[in-house]
């Protein structure tokens, strides 16, 4: 893909911006990106790591980071987190909770999830399968108890579920 700015070089920087609920994507070559003040990064660091490091610096600079002990498990300090944007171990999330909350508040505007909940695409089929197996067990018990009227009702429910599954 060619650069949207110069139209000559191969685009390596892909900038996506959302302004007033309108998304725009610009594809730039490294030289045009540098002219616009964007760092191509040269593939040395992961963009998310850099972003978190920058957010960590800003958030920790905003609140007093002194007095925060290093992680007792991996010995990561606030300065390590500020410099790299990475935590050393799972225990760091508890140790640096206040700094992480400040970062999340700055990034998302909140410290708790308000978005969508992931639902696996096959959940409807799994639910139908579980219901069918339950109905088959009930049918077996009804036949063993010689309750044929109830067995006929359950049989009809099973057939209905199976026909809706085939559609």
C-alpha atoms as a PDB file:
ATOM      1  CA  UNK A   1       0.000   0.000   0.000  1.00  0.00           C
ATOM      2  CA  UNK A   2       1.409   3.395  -0.944  1.00  0.00           C
ATOM      3  CA  UNK A   3       1.688   6.370   1.358  1.00  0.00           C
ATOM      4  CA  UNK A   4      -1.446   8.547   1.401  1.00  0.00           C
ATOM      5  CA  UNK A   5       0.698  11.685   1.711  1.00  0.00           C
ATOM      6  CA  UNK A   6       3.443  11.348  -0.926  1.00  0.00           C
ATOM      7  CA  UNK A   7       2.043   8.455  -2.965  1.00  0.00           C
ATOM      8  CA  UNK A   8       5.577   7.170  -3.686  1.00  0.00           C
ATOM      9  CA  UNK A   9       6.823   5.063  -0.796  1.00  0.00           C
ATOM     10  CA  UNK A  10       5.378   1.996   0.903  1.00  0.00           C
ATOM     11  CA  UNK A  11       3.156   2.872   3.893  1.00  0.00           C
ATOM     12  CA  UNK A  12       4.460   1.467   7.177  1.00  0.00           C
ATOM     13  CA  UNK A  13       2.618   3.690   9.659  1.00  0.00           C
ATOM     14  CA  UNK A  14      -1.148   3.318   9.884  1.00  0.00           C
ATOM     15  CA  UNK A  15      -2.787   6.028  11.959  1.00  0.00           C
ATOM     16  CA  UNK A  16      -6.431   5.615  12.932  1.00  0.00           C
ATOM     17  CA  UNK A  17      -8.222   8.547  14.543  1.00  0.00           C
ATOM     18  CA  UNK A  18     -11.755   8.825  15.866  1.00  0.00           C
ATOM     19  CA  UNK A  19     -13.146  12.352  16.038  1.00  0.00           C
ATOM     20  CA  UNK A  20     -16.840  12.996  16.752  1.00  0.00           C
ATOM     21  CA  UNK A  21     -17.631   9.273  16.266  1.00  0.00           C
ATOM     22  CA  UNK A  22     -16.057   9.409  12.783  1.00  0.00           C
ATOM     23  CA  UNK A  23     -13.098   7.111  12.131  1.00  0.00           C
ATOM     24  CA  UNK A  24     -10.371   8.022   9.646  1.00  0.00           C
ATOM     25  CA  UNK A  25      -7.291   5.978   8.783  1.00  0.00           C
ATOM     26  CA  UNK A  26      -4.156   7.445   7.206  1.00  0.00           C
ATOM     27  CA  UNK A  27      -1.394   5.246   5.785  1.00  0.00           C
ATOM     28  CA  UNK A  28       2.022   6.930   5.800  1.00  0.00           C
ATOM     29  CA  UNK A  29       5.587   6.063   4.862  1.00  0.00           C
ATOM     30  CA  UNK A  30       8.199   6.543   7.632  1.00  0.00           C
ATOM     31  CA  UNK A  31       9.462   9.868   6.234  1.00  0.00           C
ATOM     32  CA  UNK A  32       5.976  11.398   5.935  1.00  0.00           C
ATOM     33  CA  UNK A  33       5.110  10.079   9.392  1.00  0.00           C
ATOM     34  CA  UNK A  34       8.238  11.758  10.781  1.00  0.00           C
ATOM     35  CA  UNK A  35       7.256  15.044   9.080  1.00  0.00           C
ATOM     36  CA  UNK A  36       3.898  14.856  10.872  1.00  0.00           C
ATOM     37  CA  UNK A  37       5.613  14.148  14.188  1.00  0.00           C
ATOM     38  CA  UNK A  38       4.760  10.465  14.333  1.00  0.00           C
ATOM     39  CA  UNK A  39       7.434   7.963  15.332  1.00  0.00           C
ATOM     40  CA  UNK A  40       7.496   4.873  13.137  1.00  0.00           C
ATOM     41  CA  UNK A  41       9.324   3.067  15.947  1.00  0.00           C
ATOM     42  CA  UNK A  42      11.392   0.886  13.655  1.00  0.00           C
ATOM     43  CA  UNK A  43       9.709  -2.221  15.055  1.00  0.00           C
ATOM     44  CA  UNK A  44      11.843  -2.082  18.223  1.00  0.00           C
ATOM     45  CA  UNK A  45       9.046  -1.640  20.747  1.00  0.00           C
ATOM     46  CA  UNK A  46       5.472  -2.766  20.803  1.00  0.00           C
ATOM     47  CA  UNK A  47       3.097   0.191  20.389  1.00  0.00           C
ATOM     48  CA  UNK A  48       0.951  -0.925  23.326  1.00  0.00           C
ATOM     49  CA  UNK A  49       3.989  -1.109  25.588  1.00  0.00           C
ATOM     50  CA  UNK A  50       5.076   2.381  24.559  1.00  0.00           C
ATOM     51  CA  UNK A  51       1.563   3.695  25.074  1.00  0.00           C
ATOM     52  CA  UNK A  52       1.286   2.171  28.539  1.00  0.00           C
ATOM     53  CA  UNK A  53       4.734   3.487  29.451  1.00  0.00           C
ATOM     54  CA  UNK A  54       3.692   7.010  28.415  1.00  0.00           C
ATOM     55  CA  UNK A  55       0.396   6.717  30.276  1.00  0.00           C
ATOM     56  CA  UNK A  56       2.216   5.313  33.298  1.00  0.00           C
ATOM     57  CA  UNK A  57       4.628   8.236  33.310  1.00  0.00           C
ATOM     58  CA  UNK A  58       1.793  10.735  33.129  1.00  0.00           C
ATOM     59  CA  UNK A  59      -0.377   9.028  35.720  1.00  0.00           C
ATOM     60  CA  UNK A  60       2.421   8.387  38.172  1.00  0.00           C
ATOM     61  CA  UNK A  61       3.733  11.918  37.696  1.00  0.00           C
ATOM     62  CA  UNK A  62       0.270  13.228  38.574  1.00  0.00           C
ATOM     63  CA  UNK A  63       0.080  11.432  41.887  1.00  0.00           C
ATOM     64  CA  UNK A  64       2.763  11.051  44.496  1.00  0.00           C
ATOM     65  CA  UNK A  65       4.650   7.815  43.758  1.00  0.00           C
ATOM     66  CA  UNK A  66       6.953   8.047  46.728  1.00  0.00           C
ATOM     67  CA  UNK A  67       6.288   5.616  49.505  1.00  0.00           C
ATOM     68  CA  UNK A  68       5.119   2.871  47.152  1.00  0.00           C
ATOM     69  CA  UNK A  69       7.131  -0.207  47.998  1.00  0.00           C
ATOM     70  CA  UNK A  70       8.487  -2.431  45.231  1.00  0.00           C
ATOM     71  CA  UNK A  71       6.710  -5.695  44.502  1.00  0.00           C
ATOM     72  CA  UNK A  72       7.730  -8.173  47.181  1.00  0.00           C
ATOM     73  CA  UNK A  73       7.592 -11.030  44.694  1.00  0.00           C
ATOM     74  CA  UNK A  74       9.555  -9.773  41.657  1.00  0.00           C
ATOM     75  CA  UNK A  75      11.008  -6.520  43.114  1.00  0.00           C
ATOM     76  CA  UNK A  76       9.625  -4.338  40.289  1.00  0.00           C
ATOM     77  CA  UNK A  77       9.548  -0.693  41.337  1.00  0.00           C
ATOM     78  CA  UNK A  78       7.347   2.222  40.313  1.00  0.00           C
ATOM     79  CA  UNK A  79      10.313   3.582  38.343  1.00  0.00           C
ATOM     80  CA  UNK A  80      10.638   0.266  36.463  1.00  0.00           C
ATOM     81  CA  UNK A  81       6.948   0.409  35.575  1.00  0.00           C
ATOM     82  CA  UNK A  82       7.211   4.072  34.627  1.00  0.00           C
ATOM     83  CA  UNK A  83      10.212   3.420  32.378  1.00  0.00           C
ATOM     84  CA  UNK A  84       9.036   0.242  30.605  1.00  0.00           C
ATOM     85  CA  UNK A  85       5.241   0.279  30.873  1.00  0.00           C
ATOM     86  CA  UNK A  86       5.422  -3.361  31.963  1.00  0.00           C
ATOM     87  CA  UNK A  87       4.729  -5.063  35.245  1.00  0.00           C
ATOM     88  CA  UNK A  88       6.978  -7.850  36.458  1.00  0.00           C
ATOM     89  CA  UNK A  89       4.468 -10.413  37.715  1.00  0.00           C
ATOM     90  CA  UNK A  90       0.789 -10.911  38.604  1.00  0.00           C
ATOM     91  CA  UNK A  91       1.419  -9.623  42.143  1.00  0.00           C
ATOM     92  CA  UNK A  92       2.395  -6.217  40.724  1.00  0.00           C
ATOM     93  CA  UNK A  93      -1.266  -5.551  39.896  1.00  0.00           C
ATOM     94  CA  UNK A  94      -2.065  -5.507  43.609  1.00  0.00           C
ATOM     95  CA  UNK A  95       1.062  -3.574  44.608  1.00  0.00           C
ATOM     96  CA  UNK A  96       0.595  -0.857  41.971  1.00  0.00           C
ATOM     97  CA  UNK A  97      -3.209  -0.824  42.038  1.00  0.00           C
ATOM     98  CA  UNK A  98      -3.560   2.922  42.622  1.00  0.00           C
ATOM     99  CA  UNK A  99      -1.208   3.752  39.737  1.00  0.00           C
ATOM    100  CA  UNK A 100      -3.007   1.308  37.428  1.00  0.00           C
ATOM    101  CA  UNK A 101      -6.384   2.767  38.391  1.00  0.00           C
ATOM    102  CA  UNK A 102      -5.099   6.238  37.502  1.00  0.00           C
ATOM    103  CA  UNK A 103      -3.915   4.965  34.111  1.00  0.00           C
ATOM    104  CA  UNK A 104      -7.231   3.213  33.405  1.00  0.00           C
ATOM    105  CA  UNK A 105      -9.178   6.296  34.465  1.00  0.00           C
ATOM    106  CA  UNK A 106      -7.079   8.411  32.101  1.00  0.00           C
ATOM    107  CA  UNK A 107      -7.362   5.978  29.159  1.00  0.00           C
ATOM    108  CA  UNK A 108     -11.006   4.876  29.513  1.00  0.00           C
ATOM    109  CA  UNK A 109     -12.509   7.573  31.675  1.00  0.00           C
ATOM    110  CA  UNK A 110     -13.455   4.952  34.258  1.00  0.00           C
ATOM    111  CA  UNK A 111     -11.961   2.144  36.310  1.00  0.00           C
ATOM    112  CA  UNK A 112     -14.669  -0.415  35.651  1.00  0.00           C
ATOM    113  CA  UNK A 113     -15.989  -2.084  32.505  1.00  0.00           C
ATOM    114  CA  UNK A 114     -19.075  -0.606  30.848  1.00  0.00           C
ATOM    115  CA  UNK A 115     -18.776  -2.192  27.404  1.00  0.00           C
ATOM    116  CA  UNK A 116     -20.156  -5.250  25.735  1.00  0.00           C
ATOM    117  CA  UNK A 117     -19.859  -8.744  27.124  1.00  0.00           C
ATOM    118  CA  UNK A 118     -18.359 -11.396  24.875  1.00  0.00           C
ATOM    119  CA  UNK A 119     -20.776 -14.185  24.018  1.00  0.00           C
ATOM    120  CA  UNK A 120     -19.297 -17.115  22.100  1.00  0.00           C
ATOM    121  CA  UNK A 121     -20.986 -17.559  18.716  1.00  0.00           C
ATOM    122  CA  UNK A 122     -21.835 -21.225  19.366  1.00  0.00           C
ATOM    123  CA  UNK A 123     -23.592 -20.570  22.676  1.00  0.00           C
ATOM    124  CA  UNK A 124     -27.058 -21.005  21.165  1.00  0.00           C
ATOM    125  CA  UNK A 125     -26.155 -24.418  19.737  1.00  0.00           C
ATOM    126  CA  UNK A 126     -24.568 -25.496  23.025  1.00  0.00           C
ATOM    127  CA  UNK A 127     -27.665 -24.372  24.928  1.00  0.00           C
ATOM    128  CA  UNK A 128     -29.945 -26.284  22.550  1.00  0.00           C
ATOM    129  CA  UNK A 129     -27.782 -29.401  22.884  1.00  0.00           C
ATOM    130  CA  UNK A 130     -27.881 -29.238  26.678  1.00  0.00           C
ATOM    131  CA  UNK A 131     -31.651 -28.804  26.609  1.00  0.00           C
ATOM    132  CA  UNK A 132     -32.030 -31.787  24.249  1.00  0.00           C
ATOM    133  CA  UNK A 133     -29.929 -34.057  26.457  1.00  0.00           C
ATOM    134  CA  UNK A 134     -31.964 -33.000  29.498  1.00  0.00           C
ATOM    135  CA  UNK A 135     -35.225 -33.731  27.691  1.00  0.00           C
ATOM    136  CA  UNK A 136     -33.931 -37.145  26.583  1.00  0.00           C
ATOM    137  CA  UNK A 137     -33.115 -38.031  30.198  1.00  0.00           C
ATOM    138  CA  UNK A 138     -36.634 -36.952  31.231  1.00  0.00           C
ATOM    139  CA  UNK A 139     -38.101 -39.030  28.406  1.00  0.00           C
ATOM    140  CA  UNK A 140     -36.136 -42.090  29.529  1.00  0.00           C
ATOM    141  CA  UNK A 141     -37.379 -41.667  33.119  1.00  0.00           C
ATOM    142  CA  UNK A 142     -40.979 -41.181  31.954  1.00  0.00           C
ATOM    143  CA  UNK A 143     -40.817 -44.388  29.882  1.00  0.00           C
ATOM    144  CA  UNK A 144     -39.263 -46.324  32.776  1.00  0.00           C
ATOM    145  CA  UNK A 145     -42.048 -45.033  35.046  1.00  0.00           C
ATOM    146  CA  UNK A 146     -44.586 -46.004  32.348  1.00  0.00           C
ATOM    147  CA  UNK A 147     -45.929 -42.430  32.289  1.00  0.00           C
ATOM    148  CA  UNK A 148     -46.612 -42.516  28.563  1.00  0.00           C
ATOM    149  CA  UNK A 149     -48.655 -39.329  28.397  1.00  0.00           C
ATOM    150  CA  UNK A 150     -45.784 -37.297  29.864  1.00  0.00           C
ATOM    151  CA  UNK A 151     -43.361 -39.213  27.624  1.00  0.00           C
ATOM    152  CA  UNK A 152     -45.386 -38.194  24.545  1.00  0.00           C
ATOM    153  CA  UNK A 153     -45.283 -34.514  25.558  1.00  0.00           C
ATOM    154  CA  UNK A 154     -41.509 -34.695  26.103  1.00  0.00           C
ATOM    155  CA  UNK A 155     -41.071 -36.546  22.771  1.00  0.00           C
ATOM    156  CA  UNK A 156     -42.912 -33.724  21.007  1.00  0.00           C
ATOM    157  CA  UNK A 157     -40.681 -31.129  22.708  1.00  0.00           C
ATOM    158  CA  UNK A 158     -37.601 -33.026  21.532  1.00  0.00           C
ATOM    159  CA  UNK A 159     -38.895 -33.182  17.954  1.00  0.00           C
ATOM    160  CA  UNK A 160     -39.656 -29.464  17.993  1.00  0.00           C
ATOM    161  CA  UNK A 161     -36.160 -28.605  19.220  1.00  0.00           C
ATOM    162  CA  UNK A 162     -34.575 -30.909  16.626  1.00  0.00           C
ATOM    163  CA  UNK A 163     -36.559 -29.355  13.761  1.00  0.00           C
ATOM    164  CA  UNK A 164     -35.654 -25.815  14.806  1.00  0.00           C
ATOM    165  CA  UNK A 165     -31.986 -26.893  14.952  1.00  0.00           C
ATOM    166  CA  UNK A 166     -32.144 -28.112  11.331  1.00  0.00           C
ATOM    167  CA  UNK A 167     -33.439 -24.762  10.021  1.00  0.00           C
END
